[in-house]
Amino acid sequence: MSEAVDRLRKRVIERALHEPGKTTGDARRAAFDNRESPVAALIEKVTKNAWKVTDEDVAAAKQAGLSDDEIFELVVCAALGQSMRQLNSARAALEDA
């Protein structure tokens, strides 16, 4: 990957985790790391089987008291975290090959 792509990727992650938002930075970081979250079931599904997320999953997050904006932020952070874990694993595999 080019240095420019790596810089842009890092900037996106920094903004998602640290810029002002509807959720706290700690909540976004927990979603990014797939750690404890008020919507752990949704975050787990996003990181493991994103294609299986349903309206019911989002409704359960709303039932837990989160707004649409909060759910969006946490889901984006979860997806970014999982994509980084997969990218890092792929890079490690290439280095080992």
N, C-alpha and C. Protein backbone atom coordinates (compact mmCIF):
# COMPACT_ATOMS: atom_id res chain seq x y z
N MET A 1 0.85 -1.18 0.00
CA MET A 1 0.00 0.00 0.00
C MET A 1 0.89 1.24 0.00
N SER A 2 0.38 2.26 -0.59
CA SER A 2 1.15 3.49 -0.64
C SER A 2 1.07 4.22 0.69
N GLU A 3 2.04 5.07 0.92
CA GLU A 3 2.05 5.87 2.13
C GLU A 3 0.84 6.79 2.18
N ALA A 4 0.42 7.29 1.04
CA ALA A 4 -0.74 8.19 1.01
C ALA A 4 -2.00 7.45 1.47
N VAL A 5 -2.17 6.22 1.02
CA VAL A 5 -3.33 5.43 1.42
C VAL A 5 -3.28 5.15 2.92
N ASP A 6 -2.10 4.80 3.42
CA ASP A 6 -1.96 4.56 4.86
C ASP A 6 -2.27 5.81 5.67
N ARG A 7 -1.82 6.96 5.21
CA ARG A 7 -2.11 8.23 5.91
C ARG A 7 -3.60 8.51 5.92
N LEU A 8 -4.25 8.33 4.79
CA LEU A 8 -5.70 8.57 4.71
C LEU A 8 -6.47 7.61 5.61
N ARG A 9 -6.07 6.35 5.62
CA ARG A 9 -6.73 5.36 6.46
C ARG A 9 -6.59 5.75 7.93
N LYS A 10 -5.39 6.14 8.34
CA LYS A 10 -5.18 6.55 9.73
C LYS A 10 -6.00 7.79 10.08
N ARG A 11 -6.11 8.71 9.15
CA ARG A 11 -6.89 9.93 9.39
C ARG A 11 -8.37 9.61 9.56
N VAL A 12 -8.90 8.72 8.75
CA VAL A 12 -10.30 8.31 8.87
C VAL A 12 -10.55 7.70 10.24
N ILE A 13 -9.65 6.83 10.65
CA ILE A 13 -9.82 6.18 11.95
C ILE A 13 -9.71 7.19 13.08
N GLU A 14 -8.74 8.08 13.00
CA GLU A 14 -8.59 9.12 14.03
C GLU A 14 -9.85 9.96 14.14
N ARG A 15 -10.40 10.35 13.02
CA ARG A 15 -11.61 11.17 13.04
C ARG A 15 -12.79 10.39 13.61
N ALA A 16 -12.93 9.16 13.21
CA ALA A 16 -14.05 8.35 13.69
C ALA A 16 -13.97 8.14 15.20
N LEU A 17 -12.76 7.98 15.72
CA LEU A 17 -12.61 7.68 17.14
C LEU A 17 -12.51 8.91 18.04
N HIS A 18 -11.99 10.03 17.50
CA HIS A 18 -11.65 11.14 18.39
C HIS A 18 -12.35 12.47 18.11
N GLU A 19 -12.94 12.63 16.95
CA GLU A 19 -13.65 13.88 16.68
C GLU A 19 -14.95 13.90 17.47
N PRO A 20 -15.51 15.07 17.70
CA PRO A 20 -16.79 15.14 18.42
C PRO A 20 -17.87 14.34 17.69
N GLY A 21 -18.72 13.72 18.48
CA GLY A 21 -19.81 12.93 17.92
C GLY A 21 -20.93 12.81 18.92
N LYS A 22 -21.90 12.02 18.59
CA LYS A 22 -23.04 11.78 19.48
C LYS A 22 -22.68 10.80 20.59
N THR A 23 -21.73 9.90 20.33
CA THR A 23 -21.29 8.94 21.34
C THR A 23 -19.95 9.38 21.90
N THR A 24 -19.58 8.82 23.03
CA THR A 24 -18.29 9.16 23.63
C THR A 24 -17.17 8.49 22.86
N GLY A 25 -15.99 9.05 23.00
CA GLY A 25 -14.82 8.44 22.39
C GLY A 25 -14.58 7.04 22.93
N ASP A 26 -14.86 6.85 24.23
CA ASP A 26 -14.69 5.52 24.83
C ASP A 26 -15.64 4.50 24.20
N ALA A 27 -16.88 4.90 23.96
CA ALA A 27 -17.86 4.00 23.34
C ALA A 27 -17.45 3.66 21.91
N ARG A 28 -16.96 4.66 21.18
CA ARG A 28 -16.53 4.41 19.81
C ARG A 28 -15.30 3.50 19.79
N ARG A 29 -14.38 3.72 20.73
CA ARG A 29 -13.18 2.89 20.81
C ARG A 29 -13.56 1.44 21.16
N ALA A 30 -14.50 1.28 22.07
CA ALA A 30 -14.95 -0.07 22.44
C ALA A 30 -15.56 -0.78 21.23
N ALA A 31 -16.34 -0.06 20.44
CA ALA A 31 -16.92 -0.66 19.23
C ALA A 31 -15.81 -1.01 18.24
N PHE A 32 -14.85 -0.11 18.07
CA PHE A 32 -13.72 -0.34 17.16
C PHE A 32 -12.96 -1.60 17.56
N ASP A 33 -12.76 -1.77 18.87
CA ASP A 33 -12.00 -2.92 19.39
C ASP A 33 -12.87 -4.15 19.60
N ASN A 34 -14.18 -4.03 19.35
CA ASN A 34 -15.15 -5.11 19.59
C ASN A 34 -15.11 -5.55 21.05
N ARG A 35 -15.12 -4.54 21.93
CA ARG A 35 -15.18 -4.78 23.37
C ARG A 35 -16.59 -4.49 23.86
N GLU A 36 -16.77 -4.56 25.17
CA GLU A 36 -18.07 -4.32 25.77
C GLU A 36 -18.69 -3.02 25.25
N SER A 37 -19.97 -3.10 24.99
CA SER A 37 -20.69 -1.98 24.40
C SER A 37 -22.15 -2.10 24.83
N PRO A 38 -22.86 -0.96 24.87
CA PRO A 38 -24.29 -1.06 25.18
C PRO A 38 -25.08 -1.83 24.12
N VAL A 39 -24.48 -1.99 22.97
CA VAL A 39 -25.12 -2.74 21.88
C VAL A 39 -24.17 -3.84 21.38
N ALA A 40 -23.66 -4.62 22.33
CA ALA A 40 -22.65 -5.63 22.02
C ALA A 40 -23.10 -6.62 20.95
N ALA A 41 -24.37 -7.01 20.99
CA ALA A 41 -24.87 -7.99 20.01
C ALA A 41 -24.80 -7.42 18.60
N LEU A 42 -25.17 -6.17 18.44
CA LEU A 42 -25.11 -5.53 17.12
C LEU A 42 -23.66 -5.38 16.67
N ILE A 43 -22.80 -4.94 17.56
CA ILE A 43 -21.39 -4.76 17.21
C ILE A 43 -20.76 -6.09 16.82
N GLU A 44 -21.06 -7.12 17.57
CA GLU A 44 -20.53 -8.46 17.26
C GLU A 44 -21.01 -8.91 15.88
N LYS A 45 -22.26 -8.66 15.58
CA LYS A 45 -22.80 -9.07 14.28
C LYS A 45 -22.14 -8.28 13.15
N VAL A 46 -21.93 -6.99 13.36
CA VAL A 46 -21.26 -6.16 12.35
C VAL A 46 -19.85 -6.68 12.09
N THR A 47 -19.14 -7.06 13.13
CA THR A 47 -17.75 -7.50 12.95
C THR A 47 -17.62 -8.91 12.41
N LYS A 48 -18.59 -9.76 12.67
CA LYS A 48 -18.47 -11.15 12.24
C LYS A 48 -19.34 -11.50 11.02
N ASN A 49 -20.54 -10.95 10.95
CA ASN A 49 -21.49 -11.29 9.88
C ASN A 49 -22.30 -10.07 9.49
N ALA A 50 -21.65 -9.05 8.99
CA ALA A 50 -22.33 -7.79 8.71
C ALA A 50 -23.54 -7.95 7.79
N TRP A 51 -23.48 -8.89 6.89
CA TRP A 51 -24.58 -9.10 5.95
C TRP A 51 -25.84 -9.64 6.63
N LYS A 52 -25.71 -10.06 7.89
CA LYS A 52 -26.86 -10.59 8.61
C LYS A 52 -27.54 -9.56 9.51
N VAL A 53 -27.04 -8.33 9.54
CA VAL A 53 -27.67 -7.29 10.36
C VAL A 53 -29.07 -7.02 9.81
N THR A 54 -30.04 -6.98 10.73
CA THR A 54 -31.43 -6.79 10.33
C THR A 54 -32.01 -5.54 10.99
N ASP A 55 -33.19 -5.19 10.54
CA ASP A 55 -33.92 -4.07 11.16
C ASP A 55 -34.14 -4.35 12.65
N GLU A 56 -34.33 -5.61 12.99
CA GLU A 56 -34.56 -5.99 14.38
C GLU A 56 -33.32 -5.71 15.23
N ASP A 57 -32.14 -5.90 14.67
CA ASP A 57 -30.90 -5.60 15.40
C ASP A 57 -30.81 -4.11 15.71
N VAL A 58 -31.15 -3.30 14.74
CA VAL A 58 -31.12 -1.85 14.93
C VAL A 58 -32.21 -1.44 15.92
N ALA A 59 -33.37 -2.05 15.82
CA ALA A 59 -34.46 -1.75 16.75
C ALA A 59 -34.06 -2.09 18.18
N ALA A 60 -33.33 -3.19 18.37
CA ALA A 60 -32.87 -3.56 19.72
C ALA A 60 -31.90 -2.51 20.26
N ALA A 61 -31.05 -1.96 19.40
CA ALA A 61 -30.13 -0.91 19.83
C ALA A 61 -30.92 0.35 20.22
N LYS A 62 -31.95 0.65 19.46
CA LYS A 62 -32.80 1.79 19.82
C LYS A 62 -33.51 1.53 21.13
N GLN A 63 -33.95 0.31 21.33
CA GLN A 63 -34.62 -0.08 22.58
C GLN A 63 -33.67 0.09 23.77
N ALA A 64 -32.38 -0.08 23.52
CA ALA A 64 -31.37 0.10 24.57
C ALA A 64 -31.12 1.58 24.86
N GLY A 65 -31.79 2.46 24.10
CA GLY A 65 -31.70 3.88 24.37
C GLY A 65 -30.80 4.68 23.45
N LEU A 66 -30.31 4.07 22.38
CA LEU A 66 -29.43 4.80 21.47
C LEU A 66 -30.23 5.43 20.34
N SER A 67 -29.75 6.58 19.89
CA SER A 67 -30.37 7.27 18.75
C SER A 67 -29.81 6.69 17.46
N ASP A 68 -30.43 7.07 16.35
CA ASP A 68 -29.93 6.63 15.04
C ASP A 68 -28.48 7.07 14.84
N ASP A 69 -28.17 8.32 15.22
CA ASP A 69 -26.80 8.83 15.06
C ASP A 69 -25.81 8.04 15.91
N GLU A 70 -26.18 7.70 17.12
CA GLU A 70 -25.29 6.93 17.99
C GLU A 70 -25.06 5.53 17.43
N ILE A 71 -26.11 4.91 16.95
CA ILE A 71 -25.99 3.57 16.35
C ILE A 71 -25.08 3.64 15.13
N PHE A 72 -25.29 4.65 14.29
CA PHE A 72 -24.46 4.81 13.10
C PHE A 72 -22.98 4.93 13.47
N GLU A 73 -22.67 5.80 14.44
CA GLU A 73 -21.28 5.99 14.83
C GLU A 73 -20.65 4.69 15.34
N LEU A 74 -21.38 3.97 16.17
CA LEU A 74 -20.83 2.73 16.72
C LEU A 74 -20.65 1.66 15.65
N VAL A 75 -21.59 1.57 14.73
CA VAL A 75 -21.49 0.58 13.65
C VAL A 75 -20.31 0.92 12.73
N VAL A 76 -20.14 2.20 12.40
CA VAL A 76 -19.00 2.60 11.56
C VAL A 76 -17.69 2.26 12.25
N CYS A 77 -17.59 2.57 13.54
CA CYS A 77 -16.36 2.26 14.27
C CYS A 77 -16.11 0.76 14.34
N ALA A 78 -17.15 -0.02 14.54
CA ALA A 78 -17.01 -1.48 14.56
C ALA A 78 -16.51 -1.99 13.21
N ALA A 79 -17.07 -1.47 12.14
CA ALA A 79 -16.67 -1.90 10.79
C ALA A 79 -15.23 -1.48 10.50
N LEU A 80 -14.85 -0.28 10.90
CA LEU A 80 -13.47 0.16 10.70
C LEU A 80 -12.50 -0.72 11.49
N GLY A 81 -12.85 -1.01 12.72
CA GLY A 81 -11.99 -1.86 13.54
C GLY A 81 -11.79 -3.23 12.94
N GLN A 82 -12.89 -3.83 12.49
CA GLN A 82 -12.80 -5.16 11.88
C GLN A 82 -12.01 -5.12 10.58
N SER A 83 -12.20 -4.09 9.80
CA SER A 83 -11.45 -3.99 8.54
C SER A 83 -9.95 -3.85 8.81
N MET A 84 -9.60 -3.12 9.87
CA MET A 84 -8.18 -2.98 10.21
C MET A 84 -7.60 -4.31 10.71
N ARG A 85 -8.37 -5.05 11.51
CA ARG A 85 -7.88 -6.36 11.95
C ARG A 85 -7.67 -7.30 10.76
N GLN A 86 -8.58 -7.27 9.80
CA GLN A 86 -8.44 -8.12 8.62
C GLN A 86 -7.27 -7.68 7.75
N LEU A 87 -7.11 -6.37 7.59
CA LEU A 87 -5.98 -5.85 6.80
C LEU A 87 -4.66 -6.24 7.46
N ASN A 88 -4.57 -6.06 8.76
CA ASN A 88 -3.34 -6.40 9.46
C ASN A 88 -3.03 -7.90 9.37
N SER A 89 -4.06 -8.73 9.45
CA SER A 89 -3.86 -10.18 9.31
C SER A 89 -3.38 -10.53 7.90
N ALA A 90 -3.97 -9.89 6.90
CA ALA A 90 -3.57 -10.15 5.52
C ALA A 90 -2.13 -9.71 5.29
N ARG A 91 -1.77 -8.55 5.81
CA ARG A 91 -0.39 -8.08 5.66
C ARG A 91 0.58 -9.03 6.35
N ALA A 92 0.23 -9.50 7.52
CA ALA A 92 1.11 -10.44 8.24
C ALA A 92 1.27 -11.74 7.45
N ALA A 93 0.19 -12.22 6.87
CA ALA A 93 0.25 -13.44 6.06
C ALA A 93 1.15 -13.25 4.85
N LEU A 94 1.07 -12.09 4.22
CA LEU A 94 1.91 -11.82 3.07
C LEU A 94 3.38 -11.75 3.47
N GLU A 95 3.65 -11.17 4.63
CA GLU A 95 5.04 -11.07 5.10
C GLU A 95 5.60 -12.46 5.42
N ASP A 96 4.74 -13.34 5.93
CA ASP A 96 5.15 -14.69 6.29
C ASP A 96 5.35 -15.58 5.06
N ALA A 97 4.72 -15.21 3.96
CA ALA A 97 4.77 -16.05 2.76
C ALA A 97 6.11 -15.95 2.04
